[in-house]
């Protein structure tokens, strides 16, 4: 079943679904700064746009553009800056 998620007063919206490879969400972020937390290991794929991310334990920010991805371990927080509408696919197990 597909479920809809909305975060940060509607600035981040996604659809959650299950596939043969596990759980996923596909969504869009409006321009802004966000902090997310994980409960499982996640792989974030940038579909369109870009994200500047500060991963757990890192002191520097890294920019990920369309076609790139990054990973976050379970039970961690990470920060994201989005300069324009950005689409993503998040896969987790």
PDB file of N, CA and C in Angstrom:
ATOM      1  N   UNK A   1       0.836  -1.180   0.000  1.00  0.00           N
ATOM      2  CA  UNK A   1       0.000   0.000   0.000  1.00  0.00           C
ATOM      3  C   UNK A   1       0.886   1.250   0.000  1.00  0.00           C
ATOM      4  N   UNK A   2       0.473   2.265  -0.679  1.00  0.00           N
ATOM      5  CA  UNK A   2       1.193   3.534  -0.735  1.00  0.00           C
ATOM      6  C   UNK A   2       0.660   4.440   0.370  1.00  0.00           C
ATOM      7  N   UNK A   3       1.587   5.070   1.100  1.00  0.00           N
ATOM      8  CA  UNK A   3       1.164   6.031   2.117  1.00  0.00           C
ATOM      9  C   UNK A   3       1.852   7.366   1.875  1.00  0.00           C
ATOM     10  N   UNK A   4       1.149   8.441   2.196  1.00  0.00           N
ATOM     11  CA  UNK A   4       1.665   9.794   1.995  1.00  0.00           C
ATOM     12  C   UNK A   4       2.242  10.321   3.302  1.00  0.00           C
ATOM     13  N   UNK A   5       3.381  11.007   3.205  1.00  0.00           N
ATOM     14  CA  UNK A   5       4.032  11.609   4.372  1.00  0.00           C
ATOM     15  C   UNK A   5       4.254  13.095   4.107  1.00  0.00           C
ATOM     16  N   UNK A   6       4.161  13.887   5.158  1.00  0.00           N
ATOM     17  CA  UNK A   6       4.383  15.326   5.044  1.00  0.00           C
ATOM     18  C   UNK A   6       5.146  15.785   6.278  1.00  0.00           C
ATOM     19  N   UNK A   7       6.214  16.557   6.057  1.00  0.00           N
ATOM     20  CA  UNK A   7       7.071  17.024   7.142  1.00  0.00           C
ATOM     21  C   UNK A   7       7.336  18.520   6.996  1.00  0.00           C
ATOM     22  N   UNK A   8       7.766  19.130   8.089  1.00  0.00           N
ATOM     23  CA  UNK A   8       8.185  20.533   8.083  1.00  0.00           C
ATOM     24  C   UNK A   8       7.117  21.437   7.462  1.00  0.00           C
ATOM     25  N   UNK A   9       5.902  21.340   8.012  1.00  0.00           N
ATOM     26  CA  UNK A   9       4.780  22.176   7.558  1.00  0.00           C
ATOM     27  C   UNK A   9       4.549  22.085   6.056  1.00  0.00           C
ATOM     28  N   UNK A  10       4.679  20.888   5.507  1.00  0.00           N
ATOM     29  CA  UNK A  10       4.412  20.661   4.096  1.00  0.00           C
ATOM     30  C   UNK A  10       5.563  20.971   3.163  1.00  0.00           C
ATOM     31  N   UNK A  11       6.715  21.332   3.714  1.00  0.00           N
ATOM     32  CA  UNK A  11       7.872  21.665   2.876  1.00  0.00           C
ATOM     33  C   UNK A  11       8.545  20.421   2.292  1.00  0.00           C
ATOM     34  N   UNK A  12       8.317  19.267   2.904  1.00  0.00           N
ATOM     35  CA  UNK A  12       8.849  17.987   2.421  1.00  0.00           C
ATOM     36  C   UNK A  12       7.675  17.008   2.351  1.00  0.00           C
ATOM     37  N   UNK A  13       7.460  16.446   1.173  1.00  0.00           N
ATOM     38  CA  UNK A  13       6.372  15.482   0.983  1.00  0.00           C
ATOM     39  C   UNK A  13       6.912  14.256   0.277  1.00  0.00           C
ATOM     40  N   UNK A  14       6.398  13.088   0.684  1.00  0.00           N
ATOM     41  CA  UNK A  14       6.847  11.851   0.049  1.00  0.00           C
ATOM     42  C   UNK A  14       5.747  10.808   0.027  1.00  0.00           C
ATOM     43  N   UNK A  15       5.941   9.830  -0.828  1.00  0.00           N
ATOM     44  CA  UNK A  15       5.078   8.657  -0.901  1.00  0.00           C
ATOM     45  C   UNK A  15       5.920   7.448  -0.517  1.00  0.00           C
ATOM     46  N   UNK A  16       5.422   6.654   0.418  1.00  0.00           N
ATOM     47  CA  UNK A  16       6.138   5.464   0.884  1.00  0.00           C
ATOM     48  C   UNK A  16       5.536   4.221   0.227  1.00  0.00           C
ATOM     49  N   UNK A  17       6.411   3.283  -0.119  1.00  0.00           N
ATOM     50  CA  UNK A  17       5.961   2.047  -0.737  1.00  0.00           C
ATOM     51  C   UNK A  17       6.973   0.934  -0.450  1.00  0.00           C
ATOM     52  N   UNK A  18       6.562  -0.305  -0.714  1.00  0.00           N
ATOM     53  CA  UNK A  18       7.436  -1.465  -0.529  1.00  0.00           C
ATOM     54  C   UNK A  18       7.677  -2.118  -1.876  1.00  0.00           C
ATOM     55  N   UNK A  19       8.906  -2.573  -2.078  1.00  0.00           N
ATOM     56  CA  UNK A  19       9.246  -3.295  -3.304  1.00  0.00           C
ATOM     57  C   UNK A  19      10.046  -4.541  -2.934  1.00  0.00           C
ATOM     58  N   UNK A  20      10.516  -5.264  -3.929  1.00  0.00           N
ATOM     59  CA  UNK A  20      11.306  -6.470  -3.678  1.00  0.00           C
ATOM     60  C   UNK A  20      12.615  -6.163  -2.964  1.00  0.00           C
ATOM     61  N   UNK A  21      13.128  -4.932  -3.125  1.00  0.00           N
ATOM     62  CA  UNK A  21      14.405  -4.571  -2.502  1.00  0.00           C
ATOM     63  C   UNK A  21      14.241  -3.977  -1.107  1.00  0.00           C
ATOM     64  N   UNK A  22      13.011  -3.743  -0.670  1.00  0.00           N
ATOM     65  CA  UNK A  22      12.779  -3.191   0.668  1.00  0.00           C
ATOM     66  C   UNK A  22      11.826  -2.019   0.636  1.00  0.00           C
ATOM     67  N   UNK A  23      11.895  -1.184   1.640  1.00  0.00           N
ATOM     68  CA  UNK A  23      11.028  -0.015   1.763  1.00  0.00           C
ATOM     69  C   UNK A  23      11.665   1.189   1.088  1.00  0.00           C
ATOM     70  N   UNK A  24      10.823   2.049   0.529  1.00  0.00           N
ATOM     71  CA  UNK A  24      11.313   3.246  -0.138  1.00  0.00           C
ATOM     72  C   UNK A  24      10.329   4.395   0.045  1.00  0.00           C
ATOM     73  N   UNK A  25      10.848   5.605  -0.076  1.00  0.00           N
ATOM     74  CA  UNK A  25      10.011   6.789  -0.212  1.00  0.00           C
ATOM     75  C   UNK A  25      10.544   7.585  -1.394  1.00  0.00           C
ATOM     76  N   UNK A  26       9.640   8.178  -2.118  1.00  0.00           N
ATOM     77  CA  UNK A  26      10.012   9.073  -3.206  1.00  0.00           C
ATOM     78  C   UNK A  26       9.315  10.392  -2.910  1.00  0.00           C
ATOM     79  N   UNK A  27      10.083  11.495  -2.980  1.00  0.00           N
ATOM     80  CA  UNK A  27       9.482  12.757  -2.570  1.00  0.00           C
ATOM     81  C   UNK A  27      10.172  13.974  -3.124  1.00  0.00           C
ATOM     82  N   UNK A  28       9.699  15.125  -2.643  1.00  0.00           N
ATOM     83  CA  UNK A  28      10.210  16.422  -3.072  1.00  0.00           C
ATOM     84  C   UNK A  28      10.408  17.294  -1.844  1.00  0.00           C
ATOM     85  N   UNK A  29      11.507  18.045  -1.837  1.00  0.00           N
ATOM     86  CA  UNK A  29      11.791  19.030  -0.787  1.00  0.00           C
ATOM     87  C   UNK A  29      11.741  20.424  -1.392  1.00  0.00           C
ATOM     88  N   UNK A  30      11.093  21.335  -0.697  1.00  0.00           N
ATOM     89  CA  UNK A  30      11.121  22.744  -1.071  1.00  0.00           C
ATOM     90  C   UNK A  30      12.448  23.336  -0.596  1.00  0.00           C
ATOM     91  N   UNK A  31      12.857  24.486  -1.145  1.00  0.00           N
ATOM     92  CA  UNK A  31      14.081  25.127  -0.659  1.00  0.00           C
ATOM     93  C   UNK A  31      14.009  25.352   0.852  1.00  0.00           C
ATOM     94  N   UNK A  32      15.106  25.081   1.544  1.00  0.00           N
ATOM     95  CA  UNK A  32      15.144  25.273   2.993  1.00  0.00           C
ATOM     96  C   UNK A  32      16.245  24.459   3.627  1.00  0.00           C
ATOM     97  N   UNK A  33      16.241  24.476   4.973  1.00  0.00           N
ATOM     98  CA  UNK A  33      17.202  23.715   5.767  1.00  0.00           C
ATOM     99  C   UNK A  33      16.431  22.774   6.680  1.00  0.00           C
ATOM    100  N   UNK A  34      16.867  21.529   6.738  1.00  0.00           N
ATOM    101  CA  UNK A  34      16.138  20.490   7.465  1.00  0.00           C
ATOM    102  C   UNK A  34      17.095  19.608   8.252  1.00  0.00           C
ATOM    103  N   UNK A  35      16.566  19.017   9.333  1.00  0.00           N
ATOM    104  CA  UNK A  35      17.301  17.991  10.053  1.00  0.00           C
ATOM    105  C   UNK A  35      16.424  16.754  10.095  1.00  0.00           C
ATOM    106  N   UNK A  36      16.971  15.644   9.644  1.00  0.00           N
ATOM    107  CA  UNK A  36      16.258  14.375   9.604  1.00  0.00           C
ATOM    108  C   UNK A  36      16.914  13.384  10.554  1.00  0.00           C
ATOM    109  N   UNK A  37      16.142  12.413  11.014  1.00  0.00           N
ATOM    110  CA  UNK A  37      16.651  11.317  11.827  1.00  0.00           C
ATOM    111  C   UNK A  37      16.311   9.998  11.159  1.00  0.00           C
ATOM    112  N   UNK A  38      17.150   9.009  11.364  1.00  0.00           N
ATOM    113  CA  UNK A  38      16.924   7.692  10.783  1.00  0.00           C
ATOM    114  C   UNK A  38      16.600   6.672  11.862  1.00  0.00           C
ATOM    115  N   UNK A  39      15.825   5.673  11.496  1.00  0.00           N
ATOM    116  CA  UNK A  39      15.595   4.546  12.401  1.00  0.00           C
ATOM    117  C   UNK A  39      16.209   3.276  11.810  1.00  0.00           C
ATOM    118  N   UNK A  40      16.517   3.316  10.515  1.00  0.00           N
ATOM    119  CA  UNK A  40      17.182   2.211   9.826  1.00  0.00           C
ATOM    120  C   UNK A  40      18.271   2.799   8.928  1.00  0.00           C
ATOM    121  N   UNK A  41      19.112   1.949   8.376  1.00  0.00           N
ATOM    122  CA  UNK A  41      20.109   2.399   7.406  1.00  0.00           C
ATOM    123  C   UNK A  41      19.374   2.912   6.172  1.00  0.00           C
ATOM    124  N   UNK A  42      19.783   4.073   5.644  1.00  0.00           N
ATOM    125  CA  UNK A  42      19.126   4.664   4.486  1.00  0.00           C
ATOM    126  C   UNK A  42      20.135   4.993   3.393  1.00  0.00           C
ATOM    127  N   UNK A  43      19.692   4.845   2.159  1.00  0.00           N
ATOM    128  CA  UNK A  43      20.433   5.329   1.004  1.00  0.00           C
ATOM    129  C   UNK A  43      19.565   6.374   0.325  1.00  0.00           C
ATOM    130  N   UNK A  44      20.075   7.582   0.219  1.00  0.00           N
ATOM    131  CA  UNK A  44      19.340   8.691  -0.376  1.00  0.00           C
ATOM    132  C   UNK A  44      19.886   8.943  -1.776  1.00  0.00           C
ATOM    133  N   UNK A  45      19.011   8.854  -2.772  1.00  0.00           N
ATOM    134  CA  UNK A  45      19.362   9.106  -4.170  1.00  0.00           C
ATOM    135  C   UNK A  45      18.751  10.443  -4.577  1.00  0.00           C
ATOM    136  N   UNK A  46      19.556  11.340  -5.106  1.00  0.00           N
ATOM    137  CA  UNK A  46      19.048  12.620  -5.585  1.00  0.00           C
ATOM    138  C   UNK A  46      18.599  12.410  -7.029  1.00  0.00           C
ATOM    139  N   UNK A  47      17.322  12.640  -7.284  1.00  0.00           N
ATOM    140  CA  UNK A  47      16.755  12.424  -8.613  1.00  0.00           C
ATOM    141  C   UNK A  47      16.869  13.686  -9.464  1.00  0.00           C
ATOM    142  N   UNK A  48      16.515  14.817  -8.877  1.00  0.00           N
ATOM    143  CA  UNK A  48      16.565  16.096  -9.584  1.00  0.00           C
ATOM    144  C   UNK A  48      16.889  17.182  -8.575  1.00  0.00           C
ATOM    145  N   UNK A  49      17.667  18.172  -8.971  1.00  0.00           N
ATOM    146  CA  UNK A  49      18.072  19.231  -8.060  1.00  0.00           C
ATOM    147  C   UNK A  49      19.358  18.865  -7.348  1.00  0.00           C
ATOM    148  N   UNK A  50      19.514  19.402  -6.128  1.00  0.00           N
ATOM    149  CA  UNK A  50      20.709  19.086  -5.350  1.00  0.00           C
ATOM    150  C   UNK A  50      20.452  19.285  -3.864  1.00  0.00           C
ATOM    151  N   UNK A  51      21.254  18.598  -3.064  1.00  0.00           N
ATOM    152  CA  UNK A  51      21.206  18.701  -1.598  1.00  0.00           C
ATOM    153  C   UNK A  51      22.617  18.929  -1.091  1.00  0.00           C
ATOM    154  N   UNK A  52      22.771  19.853  -0.170  1.00  0.00           N
ATOM    155  CA  UNK A  52      24.032  19.998   0.541  1.00  0.00           C
ATOM    156  C   UNK A  52      23.809  19.389   1.912  1.00  0.00           C
ATOM    157  N   UNK A  53      24.633  18.404   2.259  1.00  0.00           N
ATOM    158  CA  UNK A  53      24.362  17.538   3.408  1.00  0.00           C
ATOM    159  C   UNK A  53      25.532  17.544   4.386  1.00  0.00           C
ATOM    160  N   UNK A  54      25.197  17.574   5.661  1.00  0.00           N
ATOM    161  CA  UNK A  54      26.190  17.379   6.719  1.00  0.00           C
ATOM    162  C   UNK A  54      25.847  16.052   7.390  1.00  0.00           C
ATOM    163  N   UNK A  55      26.639  15.044   7.066  1.00  0.00           N
ATOM    164  CA  UNK A  55      26.391  13.694   7.571  1.00  0.00           C
ATOM    165  C   UNK A  55      26.854  13.555   9.017  1.00  0.00           C
ATOM    166  N   UNK A  56      26.324  12.579   9.747  1.00  0.00           N
ATOM    167  CA  UNK A  56      26.716  12.367  11.136  1.00  0.00           C
ATOM    168  C   UNK A  56      28.226  12.188  11.283  1.00  0.00           C
ATOM    169  N   UNK A  57      28.803  12.872  12.251  1.00  0.00           N
ATOM    170  CA  UNK A  57      30.230  12.753  12.516  1.00  0.00           C
ATOM    171  C   UNK A  57      31.112  13.568  11.601  1.00  0.00           C
ATOM    172  N   UNK A  58      30.536  14.222  10.603  1.00  0.00           N
ATOM    173  CA  UNK A  58      31.308  15.036   9.670  1.00  0.00           C
ATOM    174  C   UNK A  58      31.297  16.497  10.108  1.00  0.00           C
ATOM    175  N   UNK A  59      32.353  17.217   9.799  1.00  0.00           N
ATOM    176  CA  UNK A  59      32.394  18.652  10.088  1.00  0.00           C
ATOM    177  C   UNK A  59      32.140  19.479   8.832  1.00  0.00           C
ATOM    178  N   UNK A  60      32.333  18.859   7.667  1.00  0.00           N
ATOM    179  CA  UNK A  60      32.145  19.557   6.397  1.00  0.00           C
ATOM    180  C   UNK A  60      30.827  19.167   5.755  1.00  0.00           C
ATOM    181  N   UNK A  61      30.289  20.091   4.966  1.00  0.00           N
ATOM    182  CA  UNK A  61      29.092  19.854   4.176  1.00  0.00           C
ATOM    183  C   UNK A  61      29.524  19.338   2.801  1.00  0.00           C
ATOM    184  N   UNK A  62      28.726  18.424   2.224  1.00  0.00           N
ATOM    185  CA  UNK A  62      28.979  17.895   0.882  1.00  0.00           C
ATOM    186  C   UNK A  62      27.734  18.094   0.027  1.00  0.00           C
ATOM    187  N   UNK A  63      27.938  18.448  -1.233  1.00  0.00           N
ATOM    188  CA  UNK A  63      26.808  18.657  -2.138  1.00  0.00           C
ATOM    189  C   UNK A  63      26.612  17.437  -3.025  1.00  0.00           C
ATOM    190  N   UNK A  64      25.373  16.978  -3.097  1.00  0.00           N
ATOM    191  CA  UNK A  64      24.990  15.838  -3.921  1.00  0.00           C
ATOM    192  C   UNK A  64      23.998  16.332  -4.965  1.00  0.00           C
ATOM    193  N   UNK A  65      24.331  16.125  -6.233  1.00  0.00           N
ATOM    194  CA  UNK A  65      23.500  16.571  -7.338  1.00  0.00           C
ATOM    195  C   UNK A  65      22.756  15.390  -7.936  1.00  0.00           C
ATOM    196  N   UNK A  66      21.848  15.686  -8.855  1.00  0.00           N
ATOM    197  CA  UNK A  66      21.061  14.649  -9.523  1.00  0.00           C
ATOM    198  C   UNK A  66      21.967  13.532 -10.031  1.00  0.00           C
ATOM    199  N   UNK A  67      21.577  12.303  -9.740  1.00  0.00           N
ATOM    200  CA  UNK A  67      22.349  11.136 -10.156  1.00  0.00           C
ATOM    201  C   UNK A  67      23.306  10.621  -9.100  1.00  0.00           C
ATOM    202  N   UNK A  68      23.452  11.352  -7.992  1.00  0.00           N
ATOM    203  CA  UNK A  68      24.357  10.904  -6.929  1.00  0.00           C
ATOM    204  C   UNK A  68      23.550  10.423  -5.723  1.00  0.00           C
ATOM    205  N   UNK A  69      24.249   9.792  -4.784  1.00  0.00           N
ATOM    206  CA  UNK A  69      23.577   9.280  -3.587  1.00  0.00           C
ATOM    207  C   UNK A  69      24.528   9.291  -2.405  1.00  0.00           C
ATOM    208  N   UNK A  70      23.947   9.151  -1.218  1.00  0.00           N
ATOM    209  CA  UNK A  70      24.734   9.057   0.010  1.00  0.00           C
ATOM    210  C   UNK A  70      23.997   8.143   0.983  1.00  0.00           C
ATOM    211  N   UNK A  71      24.716   7.678   2.007  1.00  0.00           N
ATOM    212  CA  UNK A  71      24.147   6.735   2.971  1.00  0.00           C
ATOM    213  C   UNK A  71      24.232   7.278   4.382  1.00  0.00           C
ATOM    214  N   UNK A  72      23.255   6.887   5.187  1.00  0.00           N
ATOM    215  CA  UNK A  72      23.206   7.281   6.595  1.00  0.00           C
ATOM    216  C   UNK A  72      22.910   6.023   7.407  1.00  0.00           C
ATOM    217  N   UNK A  73      23.662   5.802   8.473  1.00  0.00           N
ATOM    218  CA  UNK A  73      23.423   4.659   9.345  1.00  0.00           C
ATOM    219  C   UNK A  73      22.148   4.839  10.157  1.00  0.00           C
ATOM    220  N   UNK A  74      21.692   3.772  10.747  1.00  0.00           N
ATOM    221  CA  UNK A  74      20.493   3.790  11.592  1.00  0.00           C
ATOM    222  C   UNK A  74      20.714   4.636  12.842  1.00  0.00           C
ATOM    223  N   UNK A  75      19.645   5.238  13.311  1.00  0.00           N
ATOM    224  CA  UNK A  75      19.620   6.002  14.561  1.00  0.00           C
ATOM    225  C   UNK A  75      20.603   7.174  14.563  1.00  0.00           C
ATOM    226  N   UNK A  76      20.682   7.868  13.451  1.00  0.00           N
ATOM    227  CA  UNK A  76      21.548   9.037  13.302  1.00  0.00           C
ATOM    228  C   UNK A  76      20.718  10.231  12.833  1.00  0.00           C
ATOM    229  N   UNK A  77      21.238  11.418  13.067  1.00  0.00           N
ATOM    230  CA  UNK A  77      20.627  12.643  12.552  1.00  0.00           C
ATOM    231  C   UNK A  77      21.575  13.256  11.542  1.00  0.00           C
ATOM    232  N   UNK A  78      20.993  13.892  10.523  1.00  0.00           N
ATOM    233  CA  UNK A  78      21.797  14.575   9.517  1.00  0.00           C
ATOM    234  C   UNK A  78      21.068  15.825   9.057  1.00  0.00           C
ATOM    235  N   UNK A  79      21.839  16.781   8.565  1.00  0.00           N
ATOM    236  CA  UNK A  79      21.290  18.066   8.155  1.00  0.00           C
ATOM    237  C   UNK A  79      21.353  18.205   6.644  1.00  0.00           C
ATOM    238  N   UNK A  80      20.333  18.864   6.083  1.00  0.00           N
ATOM    239  CA  UNK A  80      20.216  19.026   4.640  1.00  0.00           C
ATOM    240  C   UNK A  80      19.850  20.474   4.315  1.00  0.00           C
ATOM    241  N   UNK A  81      20.525  21.042   3.314  1.00  0.00           N
ATOM    242  CA  UNK A  81      20.175  22.346   2.761  1.00  0.00           C
ATOM    243  C   UNK A  81      19.785  22.128   1.305  1.00  0.00           C
ATOM    244  N   UNK A  82      18.646  22.695   0.916  1.00  0.00           N
ATOM    245  CA  UNK A  82      18.142  22.527  -0.442  1.00  0.00           C
ATOM    246  C   UNK A  82      17.929  23.917  -1.046  1.00  0.00           C
ATOM    247  N   UNK A  83      18.651  24.266  -2.140  1.00  0.00           N
ATOM    248  CA  UNK A  83      18.531  25.601  -2.720  1.00  0.00           C
ATOM    249  C   UNK A  83      17.318  25.784  -3.635  1.00  0.00           C
ATOM    250  N   UNK A  84      16.796  24.687  -4.197  1.00  0.00           N
ATOM    251  CA  UNK A  84      15.628  24.728  -5.077  1.00  0.00           C
ATOM    252  C   UNK A  84      14.889  23.404  -4.932  1.00  0.00           C
ATOM    253  N   UNK A  85      13.676  23.325  -5.459  1.00  0.00           N
ATOM    254  CA  UNK A  85      12.929  22.074  -5.333  1.00  0.00           C
ATOM    255  C   UNK A  85      13.812  20.911  -5.766  1.00  0.00           C
ATOM    256  N   UNK A  86      13.839  19.885  -4.926  1.00  0.00           N
ATOM    257  CA  UNK A  86      14.713  18.736  -5.164  1.00  0.00           C
ATOM    258  C   UNK A  86      13.927  17.445  -4.948  1.00  0.00           C
ATOM    259  N   UNK A  87      14.036  16.537  -5.905  1.00  0.00           N
ATOM    260  CA  UNK A  87      13.360  15.246  -5.819  1.00  0.00           C
ATOM    261  C   UNK A  87      14.355  14.178  -5.376  1.00  0.00           C
ATOM    262  N   UNK A  88      13.865  13.218  -4.593  1.00  0.00           N
ATOM    263  CA  UNK A  88      14.738  12.176  -4.049  1.00  0.00           C
ATOM    264  C   UNK A  88      14.024  10.830  -3.989  1.00  0.00           C
ATOM    265  N   UNK A  89      14.830   9.785  -3.897  1.00  0.00           N
ATOM    266  CA  UNK A  89      14.380   8.431  -3.597  1.00  0.00           C
ATOM    267  C   UNK A  89      15.180   7.963  -2.404  1.00  0.00           C
ATOM    268  N   UNK A  90      14.502   7.607  -1.334  1.00  0.00           N
ATOM    269  CA  UNK A  90      15.170   7.104  -0.129  1.00  0.00           C
ATOM    270  C   UNK A  90      14.833   5.623   0.022  1.00  0.00           C
ATOM    271  N   UNK A  91      15.862   4.774   0.044  1.00  0.00           N
ATOM    272  CA  UNK A  91      15.671   3.337   0.218  1.00  0.00           C
ATOM    273  C   UNK A  91      16.184   2.922   1.596  1.00  0.00           C
ATOM    274  N   UNK A  92      15.402   2.106   2.274  1.00  0.00           N
ATOM    275  CA  UNK A  92      15.775   1.669   3.609  1.00  0.00           C
ATOM    276  C   UNK A  92      15.223   0.279   3.881  1.00  0.00           C
ATOM    277  N   UNK A  93      15.815  -0.369   4.891  1.00  0.00           N
ATOM    278  CA  UNK A  93      15.376  -1.724   5.244  1.00  0.00           C
ATOM    279  C   UNK A  93      15.046  -1.797   6.707  1.00  0.00           C
TER     280      UNK A  93
END
